Amino acid sequence: DQSLDRVKATREHSKIVSEYIERYQFNLGAEAIREFFWHSLCDIWIEEVKDETQDKEVGTDIRIQKLAELLYLLKENLKIMHPFVPFVTEAVWQELVKLGLAKNTLMEQQIGI
């Protein structure tokens, strides 16, 4: 299942970035974030979900499920990125709060490792 694979990949990515932070290898952590965010989340997963949700034969329930999955992945990636770009990630998080899609502040969230 692609959904499960995406979640597993995000969790593994979170562990990798956490290890870099623990070893004070911030440059490697930042590079891992950039690589994963742009090449996995943006280039592949968003495009896959876009194709899946624009298919006329896909029902509303499936569309909602796919968009909820994408929202989850975005939120998890914001948590991972937060130590590196806190002002940017908090600004994006607060936009999610305004839409009722997130709670409180990003700084208060638990990273799902």
PDB file of N, CA and C in Angstrom:
ATOM      1  N   ASP A   1       0.846  -1.188   0.000  1.00  0.00           N
ATOM      2  CA  ASP A   1       0.000   0.000   0.000  1.00  0.00           C
ATOM      3  C   ASP A   1       0.886   1.245   0.000  1.00  0.00           C
ATOM      4  N   GLN A   2       0.647   2.127  -0.950  1.00  0.00           N
ATOM      5  CA  GLN A   2       1.453   3.346  -1.070  1.00  0.00           C
ATOM      6  C   GLN A   2       1.339   4.236   0.155  1.00  0.00           C
ATOM      7  N   SER A   3       0.145   4.313   0.722  1.00  0.00           N
ATOM      8  CA  SER A   3      -0.060   5.176   1.893  1.00  0.00           C
ATOM      9  C   SER A   3       0.833   4.752   3.039  1.00  0.00           C
ATOM     10  N   LEU A   4       0.850   3.468   3.313  1.00  0.00           N
ATOM     11  CA  LEU A   4       1.669   2.940   4.402  1.00  0.00           C
ATOM     12  C   LEU A   4       3.150   3.139   4.113  1.00  0.00           C
ATOM     13  N   ASP A   5       3.551   2.934   2.868  1.00  0.00           N
ATOM     14  CA  ASP A   5       4.952   3.142   2.486  1.00  0.00           C
ATOM     15  C   ASP A   5       5.379   4.595   2.692  1.00  0.00           C
ATOM     16  N   ARG A   6       4.496   5.529   2.386  1.00  0.00           N
ATOM     17  CA  ARG A   6       4.811   6.948   2.558  1.00  0.00           C
ATOM     18  C   ARG A   6       4.993   7.293   4.035  1.00  0.00           C
ATOM     19  N   VAL A   7       4.122   6.750   4.863  1.00  0.00           N
ATOM     20  CA  VAL A   7       4.217   7.001   6.309  1.00  0.00           C
ATOM     21  C   VAL A   7       5.497   6.385   6.861  1.00  0.00           C
ATOM     22  N   LYS A   8       5.797   5.154   6.463  1.00  0.00           N
ATOM     23  CA  LYS A   8       7.027   4.493   6.922  1.00  0.00           C
ATOM     24  C   LYS A   8       8.263   5.275   6.480  1.00  0.00           C
ATOM     25  N   ALA A   9       8.268   5.737   5.251  1.00  0.00           N
ATOM     26  CA  ALA A   9       9.411   6.502   4.744  1.00  0.00           C
ATOM     27  C   ALA A   9       9.585   7.801   5.525  1.00  0.00           C
ATOM     28  N   THR A  10       8.481   8.447   5.865  1.00  0.00           N
ATOM     29  CA  THR A  10       8.552   9.688   6.640  1.00  0.00           C
ATOM     30  C   THR A  10       9.081   9.419   8.039  1.00  0.00           C
ATOM     31  N   ARG A  11       8.647   8.344   8.652  1.00  0.00           N
ATOM     32  CA  ARG A  11       9.147   7.996   9.992  1.00  0.00           C
ATOM     33  C   ARG A  11      10.634   7.672   9.953  1.00  0.00           C
ATOM     34  N   GLU A  12      11.054   6.948   8.950  1.00  0.00           N
ATOM     35  CA  GLU A  12      12.473   6.627   8.807  1.00  0.00           C
ATOM     36  C   GLU A  12      13.283   7.904   8.578  1.00  0.00           C
ATOM     37  N   HIS A  13      12.754   8.788   7.775  1.00  0.00           N
ATOM     38  CA  HIS A  13      13.411  10.075   7.522  1.00  0.00           C
ATOM     39  C   HIS A  13      13.554  10.863   8.822  1.00  0.00           C
ATOM     40  N   SER A  14      12.527  10.857   9.643  1.00  0.00           N
ATOM     41  CA  SER A  14      12.562  11.552  10.933  1.00  0.00           C
ATOM     42  C   SER A  14      13.673  10.995  11.818  1.00  0.00           C
ATOM     43  N   LYS A  15      13.817   9.682  11.824  1.00  0.00           N
ATOM     44  CA  LYS A  15      14.882   9.050  12.618  1.00  0.00           C
ATOM     45  C   LYS A  15      16.264   9.466  12.114  1.00  0.00           C
ATOM     46  N   ILE A  16      16.425   9.484  10.810  1.00  0.00           N
ATOM     47  CA  ILE A  16      17.717   9.855  10.219  1.00  0.00           C
ATOM     48  C   ILE A  16      18.084  11.289  10.588  1.00  0.00           C
ATOM     49  N   VAL A  17      17.141  12.207  10.438  1.00  0.00           N
ATOM     50  CA  VAL A  17      17.406  13.613  10.765  1.00  0.00           C
ATOM     51  C   VAL A  17      17.695  13.761  12.255  1.00  0.00           C
ATOM     52  N   SER A  18      16.965  13.046  13.099  1.00  0.00           N
ATOM     53  CA  SER A  18      17.206  13.097  14.548  1.00  0.00           C
ATOM     54  C   SER A  18      18.614  12.627  14.891  1.00  0.00           C
ATOM     55  N   GLU A  19      19.075  11.586  14.209  1.00  0.00           N
ATOM     56  CA  GLU A  19      20.437  11.095  14.442  1.00  0.00           C
ATOM     57  C   GLU A  19      21.471  12.147  14.045  1.00  0.00           C
ATOM     58  N   TYR A  20      21.247  12.818  12.931  1.00  0.00           N
ATOM     59  CA  TYR A  20      22.167  13.887  12.524  1.00  0.00           C
ATOM     60  C   TYR A  20      22.198  15.001  13.565  1.00  0.00           C
ATOM     61  N   ILE A  21      21.041  15.362  14.084  1.00  0.00           N
ATOM     62  CA  ILE A  21      20.978  16.414  15.103  1.00  0.00           C
ATOM     63  C   ILE A  21      21.732  15.985  16.354  1.00  0.00           C
ATOM     64  N   GLU A  22      21.524  14.747  16.790  1.00  0.00           N
ATOM     65  CA  GLU A  22      22.203  14.242  17.987  1.00  0.00           C
ATOM     66  C   GLU A  22      23.715  14.240  17.827  1.00  0.00           C
ATOM     67  N   ARG A  23      24.200  14.053  16.596  1.00  0.00           N
ATOM     68  CA  ARG A  23      25.647  14.035  16.337  1.00  0.00           C
ATOM     69  C   ARG A  23      26.175  15.408  15.916  1.00  0.00           C
ATOM     70  N   TYR A  24      25.319  16.437  16.027  1.00  0.00           N
ATOM     71  CA  TYR A  24      25.680  17.806  15.651  1.00  0.00           C
ATOM     72  C   TYR A  24      26.095  17.926  14.185  1.00  0.00           C
ATOM     73  N   GLN A  25      25.547  17.073  13.350  1.00  0.00           N
ATOM     74  CA  GLN A  25      25.816  17.120  11.914  1.00  0.00           C
ATOM     75  C   GLN A  25      24.643  17.833  11.222  1.00  0.00           C
ATOM     76  N   PHE A  26      24.506  19.102  11.560  1.00  0.00           N
ATOM     77  CA  PHE A  26      23.360  19.872  11.088  1.00  0.00           C
ATOM     78  C   PHE A  26      23.346  20.022   9.572  1.00  0.00           C
ATOM     79  N   ASN A  27      24.524  20.115   8.969  1.00  0.00           N
ATOM     80  CA  ASN A  27      24.574  20.232   7.517  1.00  0.00           C
ATOM     81  C   ASN A  27      23.984  18.995   6.848  1.00  0.00           C
ATOM     82  N   LEU A  28      24.288  17.816   7.387  1.00  0.00           N
ATOM     83  CA  LEU A  28      23.747  16.583   6.819  1.00  0.00           C
ATOM     84  C   LEU A  28      22.246  16.467   7.083  1.00  0.00           C
ATOM     85  N   GLY A  29      21.821  16.920   8.248  1.00  0.00           N
ATOM     86  CA  GLY A  29      20.392  16.926   8.561  1.00  0.00           C
ATOM     87  C   GLY A  29      19.623  17.835   7.620  1.00  0.00           C
ATOM     88  N   ALA A  30      20.164  19.023   7.384  1.00  0.00           N
ATOM     89  CA  ALA A  30      19.510  19.978   6.483  1.00  0.00           C
ATOM     90  C   ALA A  30      19.453  19.436   5.059  1.00  0.00           C
ATOM     91  N   GLU A  31      20.521  18.805   4.625  1.00  0.00           N
ATOM     92  CA  GLU A  31      20.547  18.227   3.277  1.00  0.00           C
ATOM     93  C   GLU A  31      19.548  17.076   3.162  1.00  0.00           C
ATOM     94  N   ALA A  32      19.457  16.246   4.187  1.00  0.00           N
ATOM     95  CA  ALA A  32      18.493  15.137   4.182  1.00  0.00           C
ATOM     96  C   ALA A  32      17.063  15.669   4.114  1.00  0.00           C
ATOM     97  N   ILE A  33      16.804  16.742   4.837  1.00  0.00           N
ATOM     98  CA  ILE A  33      15.471  17.360   4.812  1.00  0.00           C
ATOM     99  C   ILE A  33      15.153  17.884   3.419  1.00  0.00           C
ATOM    100  N   ARG A  34      16.075  18.622   2.853  1.00  0.00           N
ATOM    101  CA  ARG A  34      15.854  19.187   1.515  1.00  0.00           C
ATOM    102  C   ARG A  34      15.600  18.086   0.492  1.00  0.00           C
ATOM    103  N   GLU A  35      16.452  17.096   0.526  1.00  0.00           N
ATOM    104  CA  GLU A  35      16.342  15.988  -0.425  1.00  0.00           C
ATOM    105  C   GLU A  35      14.993  15.276  -0.284  1.00  0.00           C
ATOM    106  N   PHE A  36      14.617  14.940   0.932  1.00  0.00           N
ATOM    107  CA  PHE A  36      13.378  14.200   1.175  1.00  0.00           C
ATOM    108  C   PHE A  36      12.154  15.054   0.846  1.00  0.00           C
ATOM    109  N   PHE A  37      12.149  16.298   1.318  1.00  0.00           N
ATOM    110  CA  PHE A  37      10.982  17.158   1.127  1.00  0.00           C
ATOM    111  C   PHE A  37      10.735  17.424  -0.352  1.00  0.00           C
ATOM    112  N   TRP A  38      11.777  17.815  -1.071  1.00  0.00           N
ATOM    113  CA  TRP A  38      11.586  18.157  -2.479  1.00  0.00           C
ATOM    114  C   TRP A  38      11.420  16.936  -3.363  1.00  0.00           C
ATOM    115  N   HIS A  39      12.246  15.916  -3.168  1.00  0.00           N
ATOM    116  CA  HIS A  39      12.247  14.805  -4.115  1.00  0.00           C
ATOM    117  C   HIS A  39      11.258  13.699  -3.772  1.00  0.00           C
ATOM    118  N   SER A  40      10.910  13.535  -2.511  1.00  0.00           N
ATOM    119  CA  SER A  40       9.905  12.528  -2.167  1.00  0.00           C
ATOM    120  C   SER A  40       8.525  13.163  -2.050  1.00  0.00           C
ATOM    121  N   LEU A  41       8.394  14.111  -1.130  1.00  0.00           N
ATOM    122  CA  LEU A  41       7.076  14.700  -0.881  1.00  0.00           C
ATOM    123  C   LEU A  41       6.577  15.510  -2.082  1.00  0.00           C
ATOM    124  N   CYS A  42       7.364  16.456  -2.541  1.00  0.00           N
ATOM    125  CA  CYS A  42       6.890  17.360  -3.604  1.00  0.00           C
ATOM    126  C   CYS A  42       6.905  16.723  -4.993  1.00  0.00           C
ATOM    127  N   ASP A  43       8.041  16.184  -5.396  1.00  0.00           N
ATOM    128  CA  ASP A  43       8.168  15.673  -6.761  1.00  0.00           C
ATOM    129  C   ASP A  43       7.369  14.399  -7.015  1.00  0.00           C
ATOM    130  N   ILE A  44       7.241  13.551  -6.011  1.00  0.00           N
ATOM    131  CA  ILE A  44       6.601  12.253  -6.244  1.00  0.00           C
ATOM    132  C   ILE A  44       5.227  12.179  -5.592  1.00  0.00           C
ATOM    133  N   TRP A  45       5.171  12.309  -4.267  1.00  0.00           N
ATOM    134  CA  TRP A  45       3.922  12.031  -3.554  1.00  0.00           C
ATOM    135  C   TRP A  45       2.816  13.011  -3.878  1.00  0.00           C
ATOM    136  N   ILE A  46       3.112  14.297  -3.916  1.00  0.00           N
ATOM    137  CA  ILE A  46       2.065  15.269  -4.252  1.00  0.00           C
ATOM    138  C   ILE A  46       1.556  15.016  -5.666  1.00  0.00           C
ATOM    139  N   GLU A  47       2.456  14.722  -6.583  1.00  0.00           N
ATOM    140  CA  GLU A  47       2.042  14.449  -7.964  1.00  0.00           C
ATOM    141  C   GLU A  47       1.190  13.189  -8.045  1.00  0.00           C
ATOM    142  N   GLU A  48       1.554  12.149  -7.301  1.00  0.00           N
ATOM    143  CA  GLU A  48       0.744  10.927  -7.294  1.00  0.00           C
ATOM    144  C   GLU A  48      -0.653  11.195  -6.747  1.00  0.00           C
ATOM    145  N   VAL A  49      -0.715  11.904  -5.629  1.00  0.00           N
ATOM    146  CA  VAL A  49      -2.017  12.203  -5.023  1.00  0.00           C
ATOM    147  C   VAL A  49      -2.835  13.106  -5.946  1.00  0.00           C
ATOM    148  N   LYS A  50      -2.176  14.040  -6.587  1.00  0.00           N
ATOM    149  CA  LYS A  50      -2.879  14.924  -7.525  1.00  0.00           C
ATOM    150  C   LYS A  50      -3.513  14.097  -8.646  1.00  0.00           C
ATOM    151  N   ASP A  51      -2.749  13.173  -9.214  1.00  0.00           N
ATOM    152  CA  ASP A  51      -3.284  12.312 -10.270  1.00  0.00           C
ATOM    153  C   ASP A  51      -4.443  11.458  -9.753  1.00  0.00           C
ATOM    154  N   GLU A  52      -4.263  10.897  -8.557  1.00  0.00           N
ATOM    155  CA  GLU A  52      -5.292  10.027  -7.984  1.00  0.00           C
ATOM    156  C   GLU A  52      -6.579  10.789  -7.681  1.00  0.00           C
ATOM    157  N   THR A  53      -6.468  12.015  -7.195  1.00  0.00           N
ATOM    158  CA  THR A  53      -7.668  12.765  -6.805  1.00  0.00           C
ATOM    159  C   THR A  53      -8.345  13.448  -7.994  1.00  0.00           C
ATOM    160  N   GLN A  54      -7.638  13.605  -9.097  1.00  0.00           N
ATOM    161  CA  GLN A  54      -8.244  14.222 -10.277  1.00  0.00           C
ATOM    162  C   GLN A  54      -8.909  13.206 -11.195  1.00  0.00           C
ATOM    163  N   ASP A  55      -8.705  11.930 -10.911  1.00  0.00           N
ATOM    164  CA  ASP A  55      -9.334  10.867 -11.691  1.00  0.00           C
ATOM    165  C   ASP A  55     -10.844  10.915 -11.463  1.00  0.00           C
ATOM    166  N   LYS A  56     -11.608  11.040 -12.532  1.00  0.00           N
ATOM    167  CA  LYS A  56     -13.069  11.170 -12.445  1.00  0.00           C
ATOM    168  C   LYS A  56     -13.733   9.927 -11.848  1.00  0.00           C
ATOM    169  N   GLU A  57     -13.069   8.782 -11.939  1.00  0.00           N
ATOM    170  CA  GLU A  57     -13.653   7.541 -11.434  1.00  0.00           C
ATOM    171  C   GLU A  57     -13.399   7.323  -9.944  1.00  0.00           C
ATOM    172  N   VAL A  58     -12.568   8.160  -9.350  1.00  0.00           N
ATOM    173  CA  VAL A  58     -12.254   8.036  -7.923  1.00  0.00           C
ATOM    174  C   VAL A  58     -13.367   8.697  -7.120  1.00  0.00           C
ATOM    175  N   GLY A  59     -13.870   7.978  -6.117  1.00  0.00           N
ATOM    176  CA  GLY A  59     -14.954   8.497  -5.295  1.00  0.00           C
ATOM    177  C   GLY A  59     -14.490   9.560  -4.313  1.00  0.00           C
ATOM    178  N   THR A  60     -15.456  10.268  -3.765  1.00  0.00           N
ATOM    179  CA  THR A  60     -15.176  11.343  -2.814  1.00  0.00           C
ATOM    180  C   THR A  60     -14.450  10.829  -1.581  1.00  0.00           C
ATOM    181  N   ASP A  61     -14.843   9.661  -1.079  1.00  0.00           N
ATOM    182  CA  ASP A  61     -14.193   9.100   0.110  1.00  0.00           C
ATOM    183  C   ASP A  61     -12.705   8.871  -0.120  1.00  0.00           C
ATOM    184  N   ILE A  62     -12.361   8.350  -1.286  1.00  0.00           N
ATOM    185  CA  ILE A  62     -10.949   8.101  -1.616  1.00  0.00           C
ATOM    186  C   ILE A  62     -10.201   9.428  -1.742  1.00  0.00           C
ATOM    187  N   ARG A  63     -10.820  10.400  -2.363  1.00  0.00           N
ATOM    188  CA  ARG A  63     -10.181  11.722  -2.493  1.00  0.00           C
ATOM    189  C   ARG A  63      -9.883  12.320  -1.123  1.00  0.00           C
ATOM    190  N   ILE A  64     -10.867  12.272  -0.235  1.00  0.00           N
ATOM    191  CA  ILE A  64     -10.684  12.806   1.115  1.00  0.00           C
ATOM    192  C   ILE A  64      -9.575  12.055   1.838  1.00  0.00           C
ATOM    193  N   GLN A  65      -9.548  10.738   1.692  1.00  0.00           N
ATOM    194  CA  GLN A  65      -8.510   9.914   2.330  1.00  0.00           C
ATOM    195  C   GLN A  65      -7.123  10.302   1.818  1.00  0.00           C
ATOM    196  N   LYS A  66      -6.988  10.472   0.515  1.00  0.00           N
ATOM    197  CA  LYS A  66      -5.689  10.822  -0.079  1.00  0.00           C
ATOM    198  C   LYS A  66      -5.227  12.214   0.363  1.00  0.00           C
ATOM    199  N   LEU A  67      -6.149  13.160   0.410  1.00  0.00           N
ATOM    200  CA  LEU A  67      -5.790  14.513   0.841  1.00  0.00           C
ATOM    201  C   LEU A  67      -5.453  14.553   2.326  1.00  0.00           C
ATOM    202  N   ALA A  68      -6.155  13.750   3.129  1.00  0.00           N
ATOM    203  CA  ALA A  68      -5.842  13.662   4.563  1.00  0.00           C
ATOM    204  C   ALA A  68      -4.453  13.065   4.765  1.00  0.00           C
ATOM    205  N   GLU A  69      -4.118  12.073   3.959  1.00  0.00           N
ATOM    206  CA  GLU A  69      -2.782  11.474   4.026  1.00  0.00           C
ATOM    207  C   GLU A  69      -1.717  12.504   3.675  1.00  0.00           C
ATOM    208  N   LEU A  70      -1.960  13.277   2.648  1.00  0.00           N
ATOM    209  CA  LEU A  70      -1.008  14.304   2.240  1.00  0.00           C
ATOM    210  C   LEU A  70      -0.858  15.370   3.323  1.00  0.00           C
ATOM    211  N   LEU A  71      -1.949  15.737   3.963  1.00  0.00           N
ATOM    212  CA  LEU A  71      -1.894  16.693   5.073  1.00  0.00           C
ATOM    213  C   LEU A  71      -1.061  16.131   6.216  1.00  0.00           C
ATOM    214  N   TYR A  72      -1.265  14.859   6.538  1.00  0.00           N
ATOM    215  CA  TYR A  72      -0.473  14.210   7.589  1.00  0.00           C
ATOM    216  C   TYR A  72       1.019  14.268   7.242  1.00  0.00           C
ATOM    217  N   LEU A  73       1.355  13.936   6.009  1.00  0.00           N
ATOM    218  CA  LEU A  73       2.760  13.945   5.589  1.00  0.00           C
ATOM    219  C   LEU A  73       3.349  15.352   5.638  1.00  0.00           C
ATOM    220  N   LEU A  74       2.572  16.350   5.242  1.00  0.00           N
ATOM    221  CA  LEU A  74       3.040  17.734   5.335  1.00  0.00           C
ATOM    222  C   LEU A  74       3.315  18.106   6.783  1.00  0.00           C
ATOM    223  N   LYS A  75       2.380  17.788   7.670  1.00  0.00           N
ATOM    224  CA  LYS A  75       2.547  18.137   9.081  1.00  0.00           C
ATOM    225  C   LYS A  75       3.762  17.439   9.683  1.00  0.00           C
ATOM    226  N   GLU A  76       3.959  16.175   9.371  1.00  0.00           N
ATOM    227  CA  GLU A  76       5.120  15.450   9.893  1.00  0.00           C
ATOM    228  C   GLU A  76       6.418  16.050   9.368  1.00  0.00           C
ATOM    229  N   ASN A  77       6.426  16.437   8.105  1.00  0.00           N
ATOM    230  CA  ASN A  77       7.634  17.050   7.545  1.00  0.00           C
ATOM    231  C   ASN A  77       7.891  18.429   8.127  1.00  0.00           C
ATOM    232  N   LEU A  78       6.854  19.170   8.445  1.00  0.00           N
ATOM    233  CA  LEU A  78       7.047  20.458   9.117  1.00  0.00           C
ATOM    234  C   LEU A  78       7.695  20.249  10.483  1.00  0.00           C
ATOM    235  N   LYS A  79       7.282  19.206  11.192  1.00  0.00           N
ATOM    236  CA  LYS A  79       7.878  18.901  12.501  1.00  0.00           C
ATOM    237  C   LYS A  79       9.364  18.579  12.359  1.00  0.00           C
ATOM    238  N   ILE A  80       9.694  17.815  11.334  1.00  0.00           N
ATOM    239  CA  ILE A  80      11.088  17.432  11.108  1.00  0.00           C
ATOM    240  C   ILE A  80      11.932  18.660  10.748  1.00  0.00           C
ATOM    241  N   MET A  81      11.363  19.555   9.962  1.00  0.00           N
ATOM    242  CA  MET A  81      12.090  20.741   9.499  1.00  0.00           C
ATOM    243  C   MET A  81      12.191  21.832  10.561  1.00  0.00           C
ATOM    244  N   HIS A  82      11.331  21.791  11.558  1.00  0.00           N
ATOM    245  CA  HIS A  82      11.215  22.887  12.522  1.00  0.00           C
ATOM    246  C   HIS A  82      12.534  23.288  13.207  1.00  0.00           C
ATOM    247  N   PRO A  83      13.392  22.357  13.631  1.00  0.00           N
ATOM    248  CA  PRO A  83      14.651  22.791  14.269  1.00  0.00           C
ATOM    249  C   PRO A  83      15.568  23.586  13.329  1.00  0.00           C
ATOM    250  N   PHE A  84      15.381  23.427  12.032  1.00  0.00           N
ATOM    251  CA  PHE A  84      16.256  24.076  11.060  1.00  0.00           C
ATOM    252  C   PHE A  84      15.708  25.416  10.567  1.00  0.00           C
ATOM    253  N   VAL A  85      14.404  25.512  10.400  1.00  0.00           N
ATOM    254  CA  VAL A  85      13.771  26.746   9.907  1.00  0.00           C
ATOM    255  C   VAL A  85      12.502  27.025  10.722  1.00  0.00           C
ATOM    256  N   PRO A  86      12.674  27.345  12.006  1.00  0.00           N
ATOM    257  CA  PRO A  86      11.511  27.444  12.898  1.00  0.00           C
ATOM    258  C   PRO A  86      10.502  28.526  12.521  1.00  0.00           C
ATOM    259  N   PHE A  87      10.959  29.654  12.033  1.00  0.00           N
ATOM    260  CA  PHE A  87      10.015  30.728  11.713  1.00  0.00           C
ATOM    261  C   PHE A  87       9.171  30.372  10.490  1.00  0.00           C
ATOM    262  N   VAL A  88       9.789  29.755   9.516  1.00  0.00           N
ATOM    263  CA  VAL A  88       9.070  29.361   8.301  1.00  0.00           C
ATOM    264  C   VAL A  88       8.061  28.257   8.613  1.00  0.00           C
ATOM    265  N   THR A  89       8.518  27.225   9.319  1.00  0.00           N
ATOM    266  CA  THR A  89       7.615  26.110   9.610  1.00  0.00           C
ATOM    267  C   THR A  89       6.473  26.536  10.522  1.00  0.00           C
ATOM    268  N   GLU A  90       6.743  27.417  11.474  1.00  0.00           N
ATOM    269  CA  GLU A  90       5.671  27.890  12.359  1.00  0.00           C
ATOM    270  C   GLU A  90       4.658  28.725  11.582  1.00  0.00           C
ATOM    271  N   ALA A  91       5.122  29.519  10.637  1.00  0.00           N
ATOM    272  CA  ALA A  91       4.202  30.319   9.818  1.00  0.00           C
ATOM    273  C   ALA A  91       3.277  29.416   9.000  1.00  0.00           C
ATOM    274  N   VAL A  92       3.833  28.376   8.413  1.00  0.00           N
ATOM    275  CA  VAL A  92       3.007  27.428   7.654  1.00  0.00           C
ATOM    276  C   VAL A  92       2.040  26.715   8.596  1.00  0.00           C
ATOM    277  N   TRP A  93       2.531  26.291   9.767  1.00  0.00           N
ATOM    278  CA  TRP A  93       1.690  25.599  10.751  1.00  0.00           C
ATOM    279  C   TRP A  93       0.509  26.479  11.168  1.00  0.00           C
ATOM    280  N   GLN A  94       0.778  27.759  11.390  1.00  0.00           N
ATOM    281  CA  GLN A  94      -0.291  28.664  11.815  1.00  0.00           C
ATOM    282  C   GLN A  94      -1.349  28.847  10.723  1.00  0.00           C
ATOM    283  N   GLU A  95      -0.957  28.725   9.482  1.00  0.00           N
ATOM    284  CA  GLU A  95      -1.950  28.742   8.402  1.00  0.00           C
ATOM    285  C   GLU A  95      -2.843  27.504   8.494  1.00  0.00           C
ATOM    286  N   LEU A  96      -2.261  26.367   8.854  1.00  0.00           N
ATOM    287  CA  LEU A  96      -3.057  25.150   9.055  1.00  0.00           C
ATOM    288  C   LEU A  96      -3.995  25.316  10.248  1.00  0.00           C
ATOM    289  N   VAL A  97      -3.513  25.975  11.298  1.00  0.00           N
ATOM    290  CA  VAL A  97      -4.355  26.241  12.476  1.00  0.00           C
ATOM    291  C   VAL A  97      -5.558  27.091  12.067  1.00  0.00           C
ATOM    292  N   LYS A  98      -5.321  28.133  11.285  1.00  0.00           N
ATOM    293  CA  LYS A  98      -6.412  29.014  10.836  1.00  0.00           C
ATOM    294  C   LYS A  98      -7.472  28.245  10.053  1.00  0.00           C
ATOM    295  N   LEU A  99      -7.035  27.230   9.323  1.00  0.00           N
ATOM    296  CA  LEU A  99      -7.962  26.417   8.536  1.00  0.00           C
ATOM    297  C   LEU A  99      -8.608  25.306   9.361  1.00  0.00           C
ATOM    298  N   GLY A 100      -8.211  25.198  10.628  1.00  0.00           N
ATOM    299  CA  GLY A 100      -8.747  24.148  11.487  1.00  0.00           C
ATOM    300  C   GLY A 100      -8.118  22.790  11.244  1.00  0.00           C
ATOM    301  N   LEU A 101      -6.940  22.767  10.623  1.00  0.00           N
ATOM    302  CA  LEU A 101      -6.275  21.516  10.265  1.00  0.00           C
ATOM    303  C   LEU A 101      -5.132  21.153  11.201  1.00  0.00           C
ATOM    304  N   ALA A 102      -4.836  22.026  12.160  1.00  0.00           N
ATOM    305  CA  ALA A 102      -3.777  21.778  13.145  1.00  0.00           C
ATOM    306  C   ALA A 102      -4.146  22.525  14.416  1.00  0.00           C
ATOM    307  N   LYS A 103      -3.462  22.173  15.496  1.00  0.00           N
ATOM    308  CA  LYS A 103      -3.735  22.798  16.789  1.00  0.00           C
ATOM    309  C   LYS A 103      -2.478  23.450  17.355  1.00  0.00           C
ATOM    310  N   ASN A 104      -2.706  24.506  18.143  1.00  0.00           N
ATOM    311  CA  ASN A 104      -1.651  25.166  18.916  1.00  0.00           C
ATOM    312  C   ASN A 104      -0.499  25.634  18.051  1.00  0.00           C
ATOM    313  N   THR A 105       0.709  25.437  18.570  1.00  0.00           N
ATOM    314  CA  THR A 105       1.905  25.828  17.826  1.00  0.00           C
ATOM    315  C   THR A 105       2.685  24.587  17.434  1.00  0.00           C
ATOM    316  N   LEU A 106       3.485  24.724  16.433  1.00  0.00           N
ATOM    317  CA  LEU A 106       4.302  23.602  15.977  1.00  0.00           C
ATOM    318  C   LEU A 106       5.301  23.189  17.048  1.00  0.00           C
ATOM    319  N   MET A 107       5.812  24.172  17.771  1.00  0.00           N
ATOM    320  CA  MET A 107       6.804  23.895  18.808  1.00  0.00           C
ATOM    321  C   MET A 107       6.265  22.932  19.871  1.00  0.00           C
ATOM    322  N   GLU A 108       4.948  22.904  20.064  1.00  0.00           N
ATOM    323  CA  GLU A 108       4.332  22.054  21.080  1.00  0.00           C
ATOM    324  C   GLU A 108       4.021  20.640  20.584  1.00  0.00           C
ATOM    325  N   GLN A 109       4.294  20.358  19.332  1.00  0.00           N
ATOM    326  CA  GLN A 109       3.934  19.070  18.752  1.00  0.00           C
ATOM    327  C   GLN A 109       5.009  18.020  19.021  1.00  0.00           C
ATOM    328  N   GLN A 110       4.569  16.797  19.139  1.00  0.00           N
ATOM    329  CA  GLN A 110       5.468  15.658  19.323  1.00  0.00           C
ATOM    330  C   GLN A 110       5.913  15.159  17.954  1.00  0.00           C
ATOM    331  N   ILE A 111       7.202  14.962  17.798  1.00  0.00           N
ATOM    332  CA  ILE A 111       7.705  14.384  16.551  1.00  0.00           C
ATOM    333  C   ILE A 111       7.434  12.892  16.599  1.00  0.00           C
ATOM    334  N   GLY A 112       6.848  12.368  15.535  1.00  0.00           N
ATOM    335  CA  GLY A 112       6.428  10.962  15.504  1.00  0.00           C
ATOM    336  C   GLY A 112       7.530   9.982  15.190  1.00  0.00           C
ATOM    337  N   ILE A 113       8.508   9.889  16.055  1.00  0.00           N
ATOM    338  CA  ILE A 113       9.614   8.944  15.831  1.00  0.00           C
ATOM    339  C   ILE A 113       9.243   7.613  16.436  1.00  0.00           C
TER     340      ILE A 113
END
